[in-house]
C-alpha atoms as a PDB file:
ATOM      1  CA  MET A   1      -8.995  16.280  10.435  1.00  0.00           C
ATOM      2  CA  SER A   2      -9.850  15.467   7.049  1.00  0.00           C
ATOM      3  CA  TYR A   3      -7.981  13.933   4.339  1.00  0.00           C
ATOM      4  CA  GLU A   4      -6.940  17.442   2.417  1.00  0.00           C
ATOM      5  CA  GLN A   5      -5.115  18.051   5.500  1.00  0.00           C
ATOM      6  CA  ILE A   6      -3.245  15.186   5.176  1.00  0.00           C
ATOM      7  CA  GLU A   7       0.485  16.349   3.886  1.00  0.00           C
ATOM      8  CA  LEU A   8       1.349  13.038   2.112  1.00  0.00           C
ATOM      9  CA  GLN A   9       5.047  12.534   1.272  1.00  0.00           C
ATOM     10  CA  ALA A  10       6.595   9.978  -0.687  1.00  0.00           C
ATOM     11  CA  GLY A  11       6.793   7.137   0.545  1.00  0.00           C
ATOM     12  CA  ASP A  12       4.168   7.552   2.999  1.00  0.00           C
ATOM     13  CA  ILE A  13       2.255   4.214   3.630  1.00  0.00           C
ATOM     14  CA  LEU A  14      -1.347   4.657   3.627  1.00  0.00           C
ATOM     15  CA  ALA A  15      -3.569   1.819   5.417  1.00  0.00           C
ATOM     16  CA  ALA A  16      -7.048   1.417   6.068  1.00  0.00           C
ATOM     17  CA  CYS A  17      -9.173  -1.059   8.060  1.00  0.00           C
ATOM     18  CA  ASP A  18     -11.985  -1.012   5.812  1.00  0.00           C
ATOM     19  CA  ASN A  19     -12.450  -2.005   2.843  1.00  0.00           C
ATOM     20  CA  GLU A  20     -15.015  -1.668  -0.452  1.00  0.00           C
ATOM     21  CA  LEU A  21     -15.805  -5.612  -0.605  1.00  0.00           C
ATOM     22  CA  MET A  22     -18.657  -5.417   1.978  1.00  0.00           C
ATOM     23  CA  ILE A  23     -16.646  -6.850   4.332  1.00  0.00           C
ATOM     24  CA  PRO A  24     -16.993  -5.649   7.920  1.00  0.00           C
ATOM     25  CA  THR A  25     -14.591  -3.113   9.250  1.00  0.00           C
ATOM     26  CA  GLY A  26     -11.664  -4.530  11.022  1.00  0.00           C
ATOM     27  CA  TYR A  27     -11.369  -7.692   8.900  1.00  0.00           C
ATOM     28  CA  LEU A  28      -9.713  -6.591   5.627  1.00  0.00           C
ATOM     29  CA  GLY A  29      -8.775  -3.271   4.646  1.00  0.00           C
ATOM     30  CA  HIS A  30      -6.624  -1.796   1.748  1.00  0.00           C
ATOM     31  CA  SER A  31      -3.302   0.062   1.104  1.00  0.00           C
ATOM     32  CA  ALA A  32      -1.116   2.483  -0.987  1.00  0.00           C
ATOM     33  CA  ILE A  33       1.810   4.323  -1.252  1.00  0.00           C
ATOM     34  CA  ALA A  34       2.313   7.739  -1.760  1.00  0.00           C
ATOM     35  CA  ILE A  35       4.300   9.077  -4.854  1.00  0.00           C
ATOM     36  CA  GLY A  36       4.202  13.141  -3.721  1.00  0.00           C
ATOM     37  CA  PRO A  37       1.624  14.974  -2.545  1.00  0.00           C
ATOM     38  CA  GLN A  38      -1.977  14.445  -3.957  1.00  0.00           C
ATOM     39  CA  HIS A  39      -0.918  11.129  -5.672  1.00  0.00           C
ATOM     40  CA  LEU A  40      -0.155   6.963  -4.476  1.00  0.00           C
ATOM     41  CA  VAL A  41       0.100   4.375  -6.472  1.00  0.00           C
ATOM     42  CA  GLU A  42      -2.476   1.414  -5.649  1.00  0.00           C
ATOM     43  CA  ALA A  43      -2.860  -2.074  -6.128  1.00  0.00           C
ATOM     44  CA  VAL A  44      -7.256  -3.163  -7.189  1.00  0.00           C
ATOM     45  CA  MET A  45      -8.946  -5.696  -7.914  1.00  0.00           C
ATOM     46  CA  ASN A  46     -10.277  -4.523 -11.316  1.00  0.00           C
ATOM     47  CA  TYR A  47      -8.557  -3.927 -14.555  1.00  0.00           C
ATOM     48  CA  PRO A  48      -5.817  -2.887 -15.304  1.00  0.00           C
ATOM     49  CA  TYR A  49      -4.807  -3.720 -11.560  1.00  0.00           C
ATOM     50  CA  ILE A  50      -1.953  -0.975 -11.066  1.00  0.00           C
ATOM     51  CA  ARG A  51      -2.823   2.869 -10.614  1.00  0.00           C
ATOM     52  CA  VAL A  52      -2.059   6.124  -9.574  1.00  0.00           C
ATOM     53  CA  VAL A  53      -4.698   7.729  -8.022  1.00  0.00           C
ATOM     54  CA  PRO A  54      -5.513  11.359  -6.671  1.00  0.00           C
ATOM     55  CA  LYS A  55      -5.414  11.113  -2.406  1.00  0.00           C
ATOM     56  CA  LYS A  56      -8.907  11.447  -2.592  1.00  0.00           C
ATOM     57  CA  ASP A  57      -9.562   8.214  -4.357  1.00  0.00           C
ATOM     58  CA  PHE A  58      -8.287   6.498  -1.788  1.00  0.00           C
ATOM     59  CA  PHE A  59      -9.461   8.447   1.515  1.00  0.00           C
ATOM     60  CA  GLU A  60     -13.342   8.610   0.595  1.00  0.00           C
ATOM     61  CA  PRO A  61     -13.802   5.072  -0.275  1.00  0.00           C
ATOM     62  CA  HIS A  62     -11.343   4.290   3.041  1.00  0.00           C
ATOM     63  CA  PRO A  63     -11.832   7.070   5.606  1.00  0.00           C
ATOM     64  CA  THR A  64     -11.568   4.559   8.506  1.00  0.00           C
ATOM     65  CA  SER A  65      -7.180   5.086   8.098  1.00  0.00           C
ATOM     66  CA  ALA A  66      -3.526   5.690   9.358  1.00  0.00           C
ATOM     67  CA  VAL A  67      -0.534   7.034   7.359  1.00  0.00           C
ATOM     68  CA  TYR A  68       3.041   5.833   7.922  1.00  0.00           C
ATOM     69  CA  ARG A  69       5.736   7.964   7.036  1.00  0.00           C
ATOM     70  CA  PRO A  70       9.597   6.833   7.189  1.00  0.00           C
ATOM     71  CA  ARG A  71      11.631   8.530   9.486  1.00  0.00           C
ATOM     72  CA  ASP A  72      14.072   8.729   6.923  1.00  0.00           C
ATOM     73  CA  PRO A  73      12.707  10.646   3.631  1.00  0.00           C
ATOM     74  CA  GLU A  74      15.058   9.577   1.153  1.00  0.00           C
ATOM     75  CA  THR A  75      14.171   5.877   2.228  1.00  0.00           C
ATOM     76  CA  GLY A  76      10.257   7.525   1.130  1.00  0.00           C
ATOM     77  CA  ARG A  77      11.777   8.688  -2.230  1.00  0.00           C
ATOM     78  CA  LYS A  78      12.866   5.402  -3.154  1.00  0.00           C
ATOM     79  CA  ALA A  79      10.081   3.630  -2.346  1.00  0.00           C
ATOM     80  CA  ALA A  80       7.772   5.806  -4.043  1.00  0.00           C
ATOM     81  CA  SER A  81      10.168   6.000  -6.822  1.00  0.00           C
ATOM     82  CA  LEU A  82      10.269   1.897  -7.432  1.00  0.00           C
ATOM     83  CA  ALA A  83       6.092   2.112  -7.117  1.00  0.00           C
ATOM     84  CA  TYR A  84       5.448   4.639  -9.775  1.00  0.00           C
ATOM     85  CA  SER A  85       8.031   2.741 -11.887  1.00  0.00           C
ATOM     86  CA  TYR A  86       6.402  -0.749 -11.204  1.00  0.00           C
ATOM     87  CA  PHE A  87       3.222   1.012 -12.413  1.00  0.00           C
ATOM     88  CA  GLU A  88       4.920   2.252 -15.805  1.00  0.00           C
ATOM     89  CA  GLN A  89       6.235  -1.272 -16.197  1.00  0.00           C
ATOM     90  CA  SER A  90       2.684  -2.691 -15.802  1.00  0.00           C
ATOM     91  CA  GLU A  91       0.898  -0.199 -18.523  1.00  0.00           C
ATOM     92  CA  ARG A  92       3.965  -1.235 -20.772  1.00  0.00           C
ATOM     93  CA  ASN A  93       2.705  -4.514 -20.430  1.00  0.00           C
ATOM     94  CA  ARG A  94      -0.569  -4.005 -20.487  1.00  0.00           C
ATOM     95  CA  ARG A  95      -0.252  -1.193 -23.536  1.00  0.00           C
ATOM     96  CA  SER A  96       1.261  -4.649 -25.173  1.00  0.00           C
ATOM     97  CA  GLY A  97      -1.676  -6.790 -24.572  1.00  0.00           C
ATOM     98  CA  ILE A  98       0.070  -8.771 -21.417  1.00  0.00           C
ATOM     99  CA  VAL A  99      -1.241  -8.712 -18.210  1.00  0.00           C
ATOM    100  CA  ARG A 100       1.206  -8.808 -15.512  1.00  0.00           C
ATOM    101  CA  PRO A 101       1.087  -8.656 -12.666  1.00  0.00           C
ATOM    102  CA  PRO A 102      -2.620  -9.725 -12.068  1.00  0.00           C
ATOM    103  CA  PHE A 103      -4.142  -8.798  -8.895  1.00  0.00           C
ATOM    104  CA  SER A 104      -4.273 -12.104  -6.903  1.00  0.00           C
ATOM    105  CA  PHE A 105      -4.083 -12.684  -3.462  1.00  0.00           C
ATOM    106  CA  SER A 106      -2.152 -15.902  -3.642  1.00  0.00           C
ATOM    107  CA  PRO A 107      -0.402 -17.481  -0.417  1.00  0.00           C
ATOM    108  CA  GLN A 108       1.527 -19.439  -2.944  1.00  0.00           C
ATOM    109  CA  VAL A 109       3.444 -16.472  -4.898  1.00  0.00           C
ATOM    110  CA  PRO A 110       6.168 -15.190  -2.429  1.00  0.00           C
ATOM    111  CA  LEU A 111       6.540 -11.698  -1.478  1.00  0.00           C
ATOM    112  CA  GLU A 112       9.711 -11.112  -3.540  1.00  0.00           C
ATOM    113  CA  ASP A 113       7.941 -12.084  -6.595  1.00  0.00           C
ATOM    114  CA  PRO A 114       6.593  -8.962  -7.738  1.00  0.00           C
ATOM    115  CA  TRP A 115       5.166 -10.259 -11.495  1.00  0.00           C
ATOM    116  CA  THR A 116       3.108 -13.412 -10.891  1.00  0.00           C
ATOM    117  CA  SER A 117       0.856 -11.704  -8.676  1.00  0.00           C
ATOM    118  CA  VAL A 118       0.143  -8.702  -6.597  1.00  0.00           C
ATOM    119  CA  TYR A 119      -2.210  -7.530  -4.647  1.00  0.00           C
ATOM    120  CA  CYS A 120      -2.317  -3.931  -2.709  1.00  0.00           C
ATOM    121  CA  SER A 121      -0.215  -4.083   0.082  1.00  0.00           C
ATOM    122  CA  LYS A 122       2.420  -6.309  -1.635  1.00  0.00           C
ATOM    123  CA  LEU A 123       2.727  -3.327  -4.100  1.00  0.00           C
ATOM    124  CA  VAL A 124       3.970  -1.527  -0.607  1.00  0.00           C
ATOM    125  CA  TRP A 125       6.128  -4.758   0.505  1.00  0.00           C
ATOM    126  CA  ILE A 126       7.589  -4.884  -3.224  1.00  0.00           C
ATOM    127  CA  SER A 127       7.618  -1.294  -3.091  1.00  0.00           C
ATOM    128  CA  TYR A 128      10.099  -1.466   0.240  1.00  0.00           C
ATOM    129  CA  TYR A 129      11.557  -4.020  -0.847  1.00  0.00           C
ATOM    130  CA  TYR A 130      13.168  -3.267  -3.737  1.00  0.00           C
ATOM    131  CA  GLY A 131      13.249   0.502  -3.934  1.00  0.00           C
ATOM    132  CA  ALA A 132      14.597   1.252  -0.440  1.00  0.00           C
ATOM    133  CA  GLY A 133      16.033  -2.412   0.412  1.00  0.00           C
ATOM    134  CA  MET A 134      14.199  -2.737   3.429  1.00  0.00           C
ATOM    135  CA  ALA A 135      11.998  -5.977   4.245  1.00  0.00           C
ATOM    136  CA  LEU A 136       8.719  -4.834   6.082  1.00  0.00           C
ATOM    137  CA  PRO A 137       7.796  -7.070   8.268  1.00  0.00           C
ATOM    138  CA  ASN A 138       5.262  -9.982   8.352  1.00  0.00           C
ATOM    139  CA  ASP A 139       4.248 -12.637  10.586  1.00  0.00           C
ATOM    140  CA  HIS A 140       1.728 -14.860   7.970  1.00  0.00           C
ATOM    141  CA  GLY A 141       1.897 -16.046   4.343  1.00  0.00           C
ATOM    142  CA  LEU A 142       0.230 -13.046   2.980  1.00  0.00           C
ATOM    143  CA  PHE A 143       1.300  -9.316   3.606  1.00  0.00           C
ATOM    144  CA  THR A 144      -1.261  -7.272   5.400  1.00  0.00           C
ATOM    145  CA  PRO A 145      -2.916  -4.036   6.056  1.00  0.00           C
ATOM    146  CA  GLU A 146      -3.042  -5.032   9.563  1.00  0.00           C
ATOM    147  CA  ASP A 147       0.765  -6.089   9.246  1.00  0.00           C
ATOM    148  CA  ILE A 148       1.672  -2.253   8.079  1.00  0.00           C
ATOM    149  CA  ASP A 149      -0.245  -1.215  11.037  1.00  0.00           C
ATOM    150  CA  THR A 150       0.396  -3.546  13.785  1.00  0.00           C
ATOM    151  CA  PHE A 151       4.603  -3.345  12.641  1.00  0.00           C
ATOM    152  CA  LEU A 152       4.990  -0.065  11.664  1.00  0.00           C
ATOM    153  CA  SER A 153       2.958   1.451  14.657  1.00  0.00           C
ATOM    154  CA  ARG A 154       6.077  -0.177  16.869  1.00  0.00           C
ATOM    155  CA  ASP A 155       9.302   0.086  13.765  1.00  0.00           C
ATOM    156  CA  PRO A 156      11.733   3.174  15.496  1.00  0.00           C
ATOM    157  CA  ASN A 157      11.862   3.950  11.397  1.00  0.00           C
ATOM    158  CA  PHE A 158       8.701   4.917  10.723  1.00  0.00           C
ATOM    159  CA  LEU A 159       6.559   7.879  11.866  1.00  0.00           C
ATOM    160  CA  CYS A 160       2.620   7.396  12.199  1.00  0.00           C
ATOM    161  CA  VAL A 161       1.710  10.891  10.830  1.00  0.00           C
ATOM    162  CA  TYR A 162      -2.032  10.206  10.958  1.00  0.00           C
ATOM    163  CA  ARG A 163      -4.831   7.581  12.610  1.00  0.00           C
ATOM    164  CA  HIS A 164      -8.243   7.841  12.514  1.00  0.00           C
ATOM    165  CA  PRO A 165     -10.161   7.683  16.037  1.00  0.00           C
ATOM    166  CA  ASP A 166     -11.755   4.517  14.984  1.00  0.00           C
ATOM    167  CA  PHE A 167      -8.877   2.671  13.054  1.00  0.00           C
ATOM    168  CA  HIS A 168      -8.412  -0.647  14.192  1.00  0.00           C
ATOM    169  CA  PHE A 169      -8.031  -4.357  12.860  1.00  0.00           C
ATOM    170  CA  LEU A 170      -9.748  -7.162  14.731  1.00  0.00           C
ATOM    171  CA  ILE A 171      -7.913 -10.095  13.986  1.00  0.00           C
ATOM    172  CA  ASP A 172      -4.472 -10.568  13.337  1.00  0.00           C
ATOM    173  CA  SER A 173      -4.236 -11.710   9.460  1.00  0.00           C
END
């Protein structure tokens, strides 16, 4: 199945086990949250850090991916709405000359702290936590794309709507 055939819905969680950092597939991934059928919000390492992009900007560089959908569409809409509001606030901050949130994988910053720093999967976590009142499970300090796959693949509140045949993580992060 090509990414064009994946019909995203608001709140879908995209997780990839590959990355753009020259780190082998299965060790470090990427994630984002859909805000509609064609667009998603993601946190990236380059400024302005939080951005809205078409789905091709996720799937083309990250073909080895999976998509998880909340079974309750309202939960997804709430999480997507928070993700978009978070993007809008980061844009207002940027236009005011404020870099907030900066991108960082710091384990010193709690997941619940949305503005001290952000990374891709933390953005997903924040969207569900503050938008839909759902704390996605996490087994170590950072909430990672591996956590998304490990926990959502077993969570009765989510459905896997797409999974590339080679999608897998090699370590528990």
